[in-house]
Protein backbone atom coordinates (compact mmCIF):
# COMPACT_ATOMS: atom_id res chain seq x y z
CA MET A 1 10.98 17.85 9.06
CA THR A 2 8.11 17.56 11.51
CA LEU A 3 6.43 14.93 9.29
CA GLU A 4 9.52 12.98 9.10
CA HIS A 5 9.53 13.05 12.97
CA LEU A 6 6.06 11.99 13.35
CA GLY A 7 6.87 8.98 10.79
CA TYR A 8 4.87 10.33 7.78
CA VAL A 9 7.71 10.85 5.50
CA ARG A 10 11.37 9.56 5.38
CA SER A 11 14.42 11.18 4.12
CA ASP A 12 17.77 9.89 2.80
CA GLY A 13 19.42 13.32 3.39
CA ARG A 14 18.56 14.65 0.20
CA LYS A 15 15.01 13.77 -0.83
CA PHE A 16 11.68 12.79 0.89
CA SER A 17 9.41 9.87 0.34
CA LEU A 18 5.89 9.00 1.96
CA SER A 19 5.55 6.33 4.29
CA PRO A 20 2.58 3.96 4.67
CA ARG A 21 1.46 6.07 7.78
CA VAL A 22 0.66 8.80 5.53
CA LEU A 23 -2.52 6.74 4.48
CA GLU A 24 -3.73 7.70 8.00
CA LEU A 25 -4.17 11.15 7.25
CA GLY A 26 -7.26 10.54 4.81
CA TYR A 27 -8.34 7.38 6.50
CA ALA A 28 -11.11 9.39 8.56
CA TYR A 29 -12.78 10.94 5.68
CA LEU A 30 -12.55 8.17 3.59
CA SER A 31 -14.08 5.74 6.15
CA SER A 32 -17.09 8.05 6.51
CA VAL A 33 -17.85 8.27 2.82
CA HIS A 34 -19.75 5.26 1.14
CA PRO A 35 -18.53 4.08 -2.05
CA TRP A 36 -21.98 4.60 -3.84
CA ASP A 37 -22.07 8.45 -2.83
CA ALA A 38 -18.61 9.00 -4.42
CA ALA A 39 -19.57 7.15 -7.73
CA PHE A 40 -22.43 9.68 -8.51
CA PRO A 41 -21.37 12.79 -10.22
């Protein structure tokens, strides 16, 4: 319910679904990693 209040999920009363705002949670990490570093094993 806290995530719903913050706008990260939506609820229809029975089910929850992610909202586009949930992408903010991983943005700080993803913006600091260079694509070529992630491509190497």
